[in-house]
Amino acid sequence: MKSSRLLPWLPPRSVFTGFRFPPEVIVVAVRWYLRFGLSYRDVEKLLLERGIEVDHVTVYGWVQRFTPLLLDAVRFCRHSPATGGTWTRPT
């Protein structure tokens, strides 16, 4: 017999739900890869130095999955120049 009560409202599922590592670790790994042009194995070694054991194939998966989301977040935060779109050198 089903209850006639309404289900409580739940927030949308996080994009990080189901991943073994915390979102902070995933975002840092992806940022290191993108920002510094490191290899997946380099990121793996940097995380291992910080006590986080992760395979380079996992880092690859994170980069493939989360790069578009990070790019969307960065695009949203960018602002156009206050001068109307042109940059001039002060004289």
PDB file of N, CA and C in Angstrom:
ATOM      1  N   MET A   1       0.837  -1.169   0.000  1.00  0.00           N
ATOM      2  CA  MET A   1       0.000   0.000   0.000  1.00  0.00           C
ATOM      3  C   MET A   1       0.884   1.235   0.000  1.00  0.00           C
ATOM      4  N   LYS A   2       0.655   2.123  -0.934  1.00  0.00           N
ATOM      5  CA  LYS A   2       1.461   3.332  -1.048  1.00  0.00           C
ATOM      6  C   LYS A   2       0.885   4.436  -0.194  1.00  0.00           C
ATOM      7  N   SER A   3       1.792   5.239   0.338  1.00  0.00           N
ATOM      8  CA  SER A   3       1.382   6.387   1.124  1.00  0.00           C
ATOM      9  C   SER A   3       0.934   7.505   0.186  1.00  0.00           C
ATOM     10  N   SER A   4      -0.069   8.266   0.611  1.00  0.00           N
ATOM     11  CA  SER A   4      -0.548   9.360  -0.224  1.00  0.00           C
ATOM     12  C   SER A   4       0.207  10.659   0.035  1.00  0.00           C
ATOM     13  N   ARG A   5       1.203  10.616   0.934  1.00  0.00           N
ATOM     14  CA  ARG A   5       1.990  11.815   1.211  1.00  0.00           C
ATOM     15  C   ARG A   5       2.892  12.145   0.041  1.00  0.00           C
ATOM     16  N   LEU A   6       3.119  13.431  -0.156  1.00  0.00           N
ATOM     17  CA  LEU A   6       4.029  13.876  -1.206  1.00  0.00           C
ATOM     18  C   LEU A   6       5.465  13.663  -0.776  1.00  0.00           C
ATOM     19  N   LEU A   7       6.304  13.369  -1.733  1.00  0.00           N
ATOM     20  CA  LEU A   7       7.724  13.222  -1.442  1.00  0.00           C
ATOM     21  C   LEU A   7       8.331  14.588  -1.182  1.00  0.00           C
ATOM     22  N   PRO A   8       9.284  14.682  -0.259  1.00  0.00           N
ATOM     23  CA  PRO A   8       9.918  15.980   0.000  1.00  0.00           C
ATOM     24  C   PRO A   8      10.734  16.411  -1.218  1.00  0.00           C
ATOM     25  N   TRP A   9      10.878  17.726  -1.370  1.00  0.00           N
ATOM     26  CA  TRP A   9      11.680  18.261  -2.459  1.00  0.00           C
ATOM     27  C   TRP A   9      13.139  17.945  -2.200  1.00  0.00           C
ATOM     28  N   LEU A  10      13.822  17.482  -3.198  1.00  0.00           N
ATOM     29  CA  LEU A  10      15.245  17.184  -3.094  1.00  0.00           C
ATOM     30  C   LEU A  10      16.011  18.077  -4.062  1.00  0.00           C
ATOM     31  N   PRO A  11      17.155  18.579  -3.631  1.00  0.00           N
ATOM     32  CA  PRO A  11      17.965  19.385  -4.560  1.00  0.00           C
ATOM     33  C   PRO A  11      18.476  18.513  -5.698  1.00  0.00           C
ATOM     34  N   PRO A  12      18.855  19.124  -6.815  1.00  0.00           N
ATOM     35  CA  PRO A  12      19.378  18.336  -7.926  1.00  0.00           C
ATOM     36  C   PRO A  12      20.646  17.608  -7.520  1.00  0.00           C
ATOM     37  N   ARG A  13      20.857  16.475  -8.103  1.00  0.00           N
ATOM     38  CA  ARG A  13      22.052  15.687  -7.789  1.00  0.00           C
ATOM     39  C   ARG A  13      23.305  16.423  -8.246  1.00  0.00           C
ATOM     40  N   SER A  14      24.321  16.370  -7.442  1.00  0.00           N
ATOM     41  CA  SER A  14      25.588  17.000  -7.781  1.00  0.00           C
ATOM     42  C   SER A  14      26.231  16.265  -8.951  1.00  0.00           C
ATOM     43  N   VAL A  15      26.975  16.988  -9.743  1.00  0.00           N
ATOM     44  CA  VAL A  15      27.692  16.355 -10.850  1.00  0.00           C
ATOM     45  C   VAL A  15      28.795  15.439 -10.332  1.00  0.00           C
ATOM     46  N   PHE A  16      29.131  15.571  -9.061  1.00  0.00           N
ATOM     47  CA  PHE A  16      30.181  14.746  -8.467  1.00  0.00           C
ATOM     48  C   PHE A  16      29.631  13.510  -7.764  1.00  0.00           C
ATOM     49  N   THR A  17      28.314  13.349  -7.744  1.00  0.00           N
ATOM     50  CA  THR A  17      27.710  12.206  -7.075  1.00  0.00           C
ATOM     51  C   THR A  17      28.154  10.924  -7.755  1.00  0.00           C
ATOM     52  N   GLY A  18      28.543   9.956  -6.943  1.00  0.00           N
ATOM     53  CA  GLY A  18      28.954   8.664  -7.460  1.00  0.00           C
ATOM     54  C   GLY A  18      30.451   8.528  -7.664  1.00  0.00           C
ATOM     55  N   PHE A  19      31.193   9.599  -7.480  1.00  0.00           N
ATOM     56  CA  PHE A  19      32.645   9.522  -7.611  1.00  0.00           C
ATOM     57  C   PHE A  19      33.258   9.193  -6.259  1.00  0.00           C
ATOM     58  N   ARG A  20      34.339   8.446  -6.275  1.00  0.00           N
ATOM     59  CA  ARG A  20      34.979   7.993  -5.049  1.00  0.00           C
ATOM     60  C   ARG A  20      35.671   9.122  -4.298  1.00  0.00           C
ATOM     61  N   PHE A  21      36.195  10.086  -5.036  1.00  0.00           N
ATOM     62  CA  PHE A  21      36.979  11.156  -4.440  1.00  0.00           C
ATOM     63  C   PHE A  21      36.120  12.399  -4.234  1.00  0.00           C
ATOM     64  N   PRO A  22      36.497  13.232  -3.251  1.00  0.00           N
ATOM     65  CA  PRO A  22      35.736  14.465  -3.021  1.00  0.00           C
ATOM     66  C   PRO A  22      35.857  15.424  -4.210  1.00  0.00           C
ATOM     67  N   PRO A  23      34.861  16.283  -4.381  1.00  0.00           N
ATOM     68  CA  PRO A  23      34.903  17.231  -5.503  1.00  0.00           C
ATOM     69  C   PRO A  23      36.155  18.097  -5.515  1.00  0.00           C
ATOM     70  N   GLU A  24      36.663  18.465  -4.347  1.00  0.00           N
ATOM     71  CA  GLU A  24      37.862  19.312  -4.280  1.00  0.00           C
ATOM     72  C   GLU A  24      39.054  18.637  -4.937  1.00  0.00           C
ATOM     73  N   VAL A  25      39.217  17.341  -4.721  1.00  0.00           N
ATOM     74  CA  VAL A  25      40.338  16.597  -5.311  1.00  0.00           C
ATOM     75  C   VAL A  25      40.186  16.542  -6.825  1.00  0.00           C
ATOM     76  N   ILE A  26      38.983  16.262  -7.284  1.00  0.00           N
ATOM     77  CA  ILE A  26      38.736  16.151  -8.721  1.00  0.00           C
ATOM     78  C   ILE A  26      39.003  17.489  -9.415  1.00  0.00           C
ATOM     79  N   VAL A  27      38.487  18.572  -8.848  1.00  0.00           N
ATOM     80  CA  VAL A  27      38.658  19.888  -9.466  1.00  0.00           C
ATOM     81  C   VAL A  27      40.129  20.295  -9.482  1.00  0.00           C
ATOM     82  N   VAL A  28      40.847  20.045  -8.402  1.00  0.00           N
ATOM     83  CA  VAL A  28      42.279  20.393  -8.361  1.00  0.00           C
ATOM     84  C   VAL A  28      43.041  19.603  -9.415  1.00  0.00           C
ATOM     85  N   ALA A  29      42.753  18.324  -9.539  1.00  0.00           N
ATOM     86  CA  ALA A  29      43.455  17.500 -10.527  1.00  0.00           C
ATOM     87  C   ALA A  29      43.193  17.999 -11.945  1.00  0.00           C
ATOM     88  N   VAL A  30      41.958  18.312 -12.250  1.00  0.00           N
ATOM     89  CA  VAL A  30      41.615  18.798 -13.585  1.00  0.00           C
ATOM     90  C   VAL A  30      42.255  20.162 -13.834  1.00  0.00           C
ATOM     91  N   ARG A  31      42.229  21.028 -12.825  1.00  0.00           N
ATOM     92  CA  ARG A  31      42.843  22.357 -12.988  1.00  0.00           C
ATOM     93  C   ARG A  31      44.338  22.245 -13.207  1.00  0.00           C
ATOM     94  N   TRP A  32      45.018  21.376 -12.457  1.00  0.00           N
ATOM     95  CA  TRP A  32      46.450  21.191 -12.660  1.00  0.00           C
ATOM     96  C   TRP A  32      46.730  20.730 -14.087  1.00  0.00           C
ATOM     97  N   TYR A  33      45.960  19.773 -14.548  1.00  0.00           N
ATOM     98  CA  TYR A  33      46.169  19.257 -15.903  1.00  0.00           C
ATOM     99  C   TYR A  33      45.987  20.362 -16.940  1.00  0.00           C
ATOM    100  N   LEU A  34      44.917  21.122 -16.813  1.00  0.00           N
ATOM    101  CA  LEU A  34      44.613  22.146 -17.812  1.00  0.00           C
ATOM    102  C   LEU A  34      45.532  23.355 -17.709  1.00  0.00           C
ATOM    103  N   ARG A  35      45.793  23.807 -16.501  1.00  0.00           N
ATOM    104  CA  ARG A  35      46.539  25.057 -16.299  1.00  0.00           C
ATOM    105  C   ARG A  35      48.025  24.909 -16.598  1.00  0.00           C
ATOM    106  N   PHE A  36      48.604  23.802 -16.164  1.00  0.00           N
ATOM    107  CA  PHE A  36      50.059  23.663 -16.257  1.00  0.00           C
ATOM    108  C   PHE A  36      50.515  22.723 -17.362  1.00  0.00           C
ATOM    109  N   GLY A  37      49.587  22.182 -18.148  1.00  0.00           N
ATOM    110  CA  GLY A  37      49.968  21.317 -19.260  1.00  0.00           C
ATOM    111  C   GLY A  37      50.679  20.053 -18.807  1.00  0.00           C
ATOM    112  N   LEU A  38      50.283  19.529 -17.668  1.00  0.00           N
ATOM    113  CA  LEU A  38      50.893  18.316 -17.141  1.00  0.00           C
ATOM    114  C   LEU A  38      50.318  17.091 -17.832  1.00  0.00           C
ATOM    115  N   SER A  39      51.043  15.991 -17.742  1.00  0.00           N
ATOM    116  CA  SER A  39      50.501  14.731 -18.236  1.00  0.00           C
ATOM    117  C   SER A  39      49.606  14.139 -17.149  1.00  0.00           C
ATOM    118  N   TYR A  40      48.810  13.164 -17.537  1.00  0.00           N
ATOM    119  CA  TYR A  40      47.952  12.499 -16.552  1.00  0.00           C
ATOM    120  C   TYR A  40      48.798  11.813 -15.474  1.00  0.00           C
ATOM    121  N   ARG A  41      49.928  11.272 -15.882  1.00  0.00           N
ATOM    122  CA  ARG A  41      50.822  10.625 -14.901  1.00  0.00           C
ATOM    123  C   ARG A  41      51.459  11.652 -13.966  1.00  0.00           C
ATOM    124  N   ASP A  42      51.758  12.843 -14.474  1.00  0.00           N
ATOM    125  CA  ASP A  42      52.288  13.902 -13.605  1.00  0.00           C
ATOM    126  C   ASP A  42      51.264  14.280 -12.534  1.00  0.00           C
ATOM    127  N   VAL A  43      50.016  14.416 -12.935  1.00  0.00           N
ATOM    128  CA  VAL A  43      48.964  14.746 -11.976  1.00  0.00           C
ATOM    129  C   VAL A  43      48.818  13.612 -10.965  1.00  0.00           C
ATOM    130  N   GLU A  44      48.894  12.385 -11.442  1.00  0.00           N
ATOM    131  CA  GLU A  44      48.841  11.224 -10.549  1.00  0.00           C
ATOM    132  C   GLU A  44      49.942  11.302  -9.495  1.00  0.00           C
ATOM    133  N   LYS A  45      51.169  11.637  -9.915  1.00  0.00           N
ATOM    134  CA  LYS A  45      52.297  11.728  -8.983  1.00  0.00           C
ATOM    135  C   LYS A  45      52.124  12.881  -7.997  1.00  0.00           C
ATOM    136  N   LEU A  46      51.630  14.026  -8.471  1.00  0.00           N
ATOM    137  CA  LEU A  46      51.404  15.160  -7.569  1.00  0.00           C
ATOM    138  C   LEU A  46      50.358  14.826  -6.503  1.00  0.00           C
ATOM    139  N   LEU A  47      49.311  14.145  -6.910  1.00  0.00           N
ATOM    140  CA  LEU A  47      48.291  13.747  -5.933  1.00  0.00           C
ATOM    141  C   LEU A  47      48.854  12.729  -4.954  1.00  0.00           C
ATOM    142  N   LEU A  48      49.679  11.793  -5.451  1.00  0.00           N
ATOM    143  CA  LEU A  48      50.280  10.789  -4.573  1.00  0.00           C
ATOM    144  C   LEU A  48      51.186  11.439  -3.535  1.00  0.00           C
ATOM    145  N   GLU A  49      51.912  12.492  -3.928  1.00  0.00           N
ATOM    146  CA  GLU A  49      52.749  13.230  -2.976  1.00  0.00           C
ATOM    147  C   GLU A  49      51.919  13.850  -1.860  1.00  0.00           C
ATOM    148  N   ARG A  50      50.647  14.070  -2.128  1.00  0.00           N
ATOM    149  CA  ARG A  50      49.737  14.655  -1.131  1.00  0.00           C
ATOM    150  C   ARG A  50      48.880  13.598  -0.452  1.00  0.00           C
ATOM    151  N   GLY A  51      49.246  12.318  -0.653  1.00  0.00           N
ATOM    152  CA  GLY A  51      48.567  11.228   0.029  1.00  0.00           C
ATOM    153  C   GLY A  51      47.291  10.750  -0.631  1.00  0.00           C
ATOM    154  N   ILE A  52      47.075  11.118  -1.878  1.00  0.00           N
ATOM    155  CA  ILE A  52      45.864  10.711  -2.592  1.00  0.00           C
ATOM    156  C   ILE A  52      46.275   9.754  -3.703  1.00  0.00           C
ATOM    157  N   GLU A  53      45.902   8.493  -3.555  1.00  0.00           N
ATOM    158  CA  GLU A  53      46.283   7.475  -4.521  1.00  0.00           C
ATOM    159  C   GLU A  53      45.200   7.357  -5.586  1.00  0.00           C
ATOM    160  N   VAL A  54      45.550   7.756  -6.797  1.00  0.00           N
ATOM    161  CA  VAL A  54      44.613   7.732  -7.914  1.00  0.00           C
ATOM    162  C   VAL A  54      45.377   7.336  -9.174  1.00  0.00           C
ATOM    163  N   ASP A  55      44.724   6.606 -10.044  1.00  0.00           N
ATOM    164  CA  ASP A  55      45.350   6.151 -11.277  1.00  0.00           C
ATOM    165  C   ASP A  55      45.258   7.244 -12.348  1.00  0.00           C
ATOM    166  N   HIS A  56      46.247   7.277 -13.246  1.00  0.00           N
ATOM    167  CA  HIS A  56      46.247   8.291 -14.296  1.00  0.00           C
ATOM    168  C   HIS A  56      45.049   8.131 -15.237  1.00  0.00           C
ATOM    169  N   VAL A  57      44.527   6.927 -15.375  1.00  0.00           N
ATOM    170  CA  VAL A  57      43.345   6.711 -16.212  1.00  0.00           C
ATOM    171  C   VAL A  57      42.122   7.368 -15.570  1.00  0.00           C
ATOM    172  N   THR A  58      42.072   7.371 -14.249  1.00  0.00           N
ATOM    173  CA  THR A  58      40.992   8.052 -13.537  1.00  0.00           C
ATOM    174  C   THR A  58      41.080   9.553 -13.771  1.00  0.00           C
ATOM    175  N   VAL A  59      42.301  10.089 -13.716  1.00  0.00           N
ATOM    176  CA  VAL A  59      42.492  11.522 -13.988  1.00  0.00           C
ATOM    177  C   VAL A  59      42.032  11.842 -15.401  1.00  0.00           C
ATOM    178  N   TYR A  60      42.344  10.972 -16.350  1.00  0.00           N
ATOM    179  CA  TYR A  60      41.884  11.153 -17.733  1.00  0.00           C
ATOM    180  C   TYR A  60      40.353  11.242 -17.786  1.00  0.00           C
ATOM    181  N   GLY A  61      39.687  10.344 -17.094  1.00  0.00           N
ATOM    182  CA  GLY A  61      38.226  10.351 -17.069  1.00  0.00           C
ATOM    183  C   GLY A  61      37.675  11.633 -16.468  1.00  0.00           C
ATOM    184  N   TRP A  62      38.318  12.101 -15.399  1.00  0.00           N
ATOM    185  CA  TRP A  62      37.890  13.359 -14.774  1.00  0.00           C
ATOM    186  C   TRP A  62      38.040  14.522 -15.754  1.00  0.00           C
ATOM    187  N   VAL A  63      39.161  14.565 -16.441  1.00  0.00           N
ATOM    188  CA  VAL A  63      39.406  15.662 -17.390  1.00  0.00           C
ATOM    189  C   VAL A  63      38.353  15.634 -18.493  1.00  0.00           C
ATOM    190  N   GLN A  64      38.059  14.460 -19.022  1.00  0.00           N
ATOM    191  CA  GLN A  64      37.061  14.351 -20.077  1.00  0.00           C
ATOM    192  C   GLN A  64      35.679  14.743 -19.582  1.00  0.00           C
ATOM    193  N   ARG A  65      35.353  14.373 -18.348  1.00  0.00           N
ATOM    194  CA  ARG A  65      34.010  14.614 -17.804  1.00  0.00           C
ATOM    195  C   ARG A  65      33.806  16.051 -17.334  1.00  0.00           C
ATOM    196  N   PHE A  66      34.820  16.641 -16.690  1.00  0.00           N
ATOM    197  CA  PHE A  66      34.622  17.905 -15.998  1.00  0.00           C
ATOM    198  C   PHE A  66      35.185  19.132 -16.717  1.00  0.00           C
ATOM    199  N   THR A  67      35.997  18.979 -17.742  1.00  0.00           N
ATOM    200  CA  THR A  67      36.520  20.138 -18.460  1.00  0.00           C
ATOM    201  C   THR A  67      35.404  21.007 -19.039  1.00  0.00           C
ATOM    202  N   PRO A  68      34.398  20.440 -19.706  1.00  0.00           N
ATOM    203  CA  PRO A  68      33.327  21.304 -20.221  1.00  0.00           C
ATOM    204  C   PRO A  68      32.588  22.059 -19.115  1.00  0.00           C
ATOM    205  N   LEU A  69      32.409  21.430 -17.967  1.00  0.00           N
ATOM    206  CA  LEU A  69      31.723  22.094 -16.862  1.00  0.00           C
ATOM    207  C   LEU A  69      32.557  23.242 -16.305  1.00  0.00           C
ATOM    208  N   LEU A  70      33.867  23.034 -16.186  1.00  0.00           N
ATOM    209  CA  LEU A  70      34.736  24.098 -15.701  1.00  0.00           C
ATOM    210  C   LEU A  70      34.800  25.249 -16.700  1.00  0.00           C
ATOM    211  N   LEU A  71      34.831  24.940 -17.984  1.00  0.00           N
ATOM    212  CA  LEU A  71      34.845  25.996 -19.004  1.00  0.00           C
ATOM    213  C   LEU A  71      33.566  26.815 -18.947  1.00  0.00           C
ATOM    214  N   ASP A  72      32.433  26.165 -18.754  1.00  0.00           N
ATOM    215  CA  ASP A  72      31.170  26.900 -18.623  1.00  0.00           C
ATOM    216  C   ASP A  72      31.192  27.810 -17.403  1.00  0.00           C
ATOM    217  N   ALA A  73      31.765  27.330 -16.303  1.00  0.00           N
ATOM    218  CA  ALA A  73      31.836  28.142 -15.088  1.00  0.00           C
ATOM    219  C   ALA A  73      32.742  29.346 -15.293  1.00  0.00           C
ATOM    220  N   VAL A  74      33.834  29.167 -16.008  1.00  0.00           N
ATOM    221  CA  VAL A  74      34.768  30.268 -16.257  1.00  0.00           C
ATOM    222  C   VAL A  74      34.134  31.288 -17.191  1.00  0.00           C
ATOM    223  N   ARG A  75      33.454  30.837 -18.226  1.00  0.00           N
ATOM    224  CA  ARG A  75      32.796  31.749 -19.156  1.00  0.00           C
ATOM    225  C   ARG A  75      31.773  32.618 -18.445  1.00  0.00           C
ATOM    226  N   PHE A  76      31.049  32.035 -17.505  1.00  0.00           N
ATOM    227  CA  PHE A  76      30.035  32.770 -16.766  1.00  0.00           C
ATOM    228  C   PHE A  76      30.661  33.873 -15.919  1.00  0.00           C
ATOM    229  N   CYS A  77      31.860  33.639 -15.405  1.00  0.00           N
ATOM    230  CA  CYS A  77      32.513  34.599 -14.512  1.00  0.00           C
ATOM    231  C   CYS A  77      33.281  35.686 -15.245  1.00  0.00           C
ATOM    232  N   ARG A  78      33.557  35.498 -16.519  1.00  0.00           N
ATOM    233  CA  ARG A  78      34.323  36.504 -17.257  1.00  0.00           C
ATOM    234  C   ARG A  78      33.498  37.756 -17.469  1.00  0.00           C
ATOM    235  N   HIS A  79      34.169  38.890 -17.406  1.00  0.00           N
ATOM    236  CA  HIS A  79      33.505  40.171 -17.616  1.00  0.00           C
ATOM    237  C   HIS A  79      34.139  40.869 -18.804  1.00  0.00           C
ATOM    238  N   SER A  80      33.354  41.676 -19.488  1.00  0.00           N
ATOM    239  CA  SER A  80      33.913  42.461 -20.578  1.00  0.00           C
ATOM    240  C   SER A  80      34.605  43.685 -19.974  1.00  0.00           C
ATOM    241  N   PRO A  81      35.556  44.248 -20.670  1.00  0.00           N
ATOM    242  CA  PRO A  81      36.267  45.414 -20.143  1.00  0.00           C
ATOM    243  C   PRO A  81      35.321  46.586 -19.893  1.00  0.00           C
ATOM    244  N   ALA A  82      35.611  47.363 -18.891  1.00  0.00           N
ATOM    245  CA  ALA A  82      34.764  48.501 -18.521  1.00  0.00           C
ATOM    246  C   ALA A  82      34.858  49.632 -19.535  1.00  0.00           C
ATOM    247  N   THR A  83      35.834  49.573 -20.422  1.00  0.00           N
ATOM    248  CA  THR A  83      36.032  50.661 -21.387  1.00  0.00           C
ATOM    249  C   THR A  83      35.224  50.462 -22.654  1.00  0.00           C
ATOM    250  N   GLY A  84      34.294  49.546 -22.648  1.00  0.00           N
ATOM    251  CA  GLY A  84      33.474  49.345 -23.834  1.00  0.00           C
ATOM    252  C   GLY A  84      34.066  48.349 -24.813  1.00  0.00           C
ATOM    253  N   GLY A  85      35.009  47.547 -24.377  1.00  0.00           N
ATOM    254  CA  GLY A  85      35.550  46.511 -25.236  1.00  0.00           C
ATOM    255  C   GLY A  85      36.879  46.836 -25.877  1.00  0.00           C
ATOM    256  N   THR A  86      37.420  48.021 -25.645  1.00  0.00           N
ATOM    257  CA  THR A  86      38.731  48.334 -26.221  1.00  0.00           C
ATOM    258  C   THR A  86      39.706  48.609 -25.094  1.00  0.00           C
ATOM    259  N   TRP A  87      40.909  48.223 -25.316  1.00  0.00           N
ATOM    260  CA  TRP A  87      41.966  48.467 -24.333  1.00  0.00           C
ATOM    261  C   TRP A  87      42.965  49.444 -24.955  1.00  0.00           C
ATOM    262  N   THR A  88      43.244  50.506 -24.258  1.00  0.00           N
ATOM    263  CA  THR A  88      44.199  51.477 -24.757  1.00  0.00           C
ATOM    264  C   THR A  88      45.299  51.655 -23.721  1.00  0.00           C
ATOM    265  N   ARG A  89      46.449  51.988 -24.211  1.00  0.00           N
ATOM    266  CA  ARG A  89      47.579  52.260 -23.324  1.00  0.00           C
ATOM    267  C   ARG A  89      47.482  53.672 -22.791  1.00  0.00           C
ATOM    268  N   PRO A  90      47.688  53.851 -21.492  1.00  0.00           N
ATOM    269  CA  PRO A  90      47.672  55.219 -20.963  1.00  0.00           C
ATOM    270  C   PRO A  90      48.852  56.014 -21.520  1.00  0.00           C
ATOM    271  N   THR A  91      48.641  57.278 -21.790  1.00  0.00           N
ATOM    272  CA  THR A  91      49.716  58.108 -22.343  1.00  0.00           C
ATOM    273  C   THR A  91      50.266  59.065 -21.311  1.00  0.00           C
TER     274      THR A  91
END
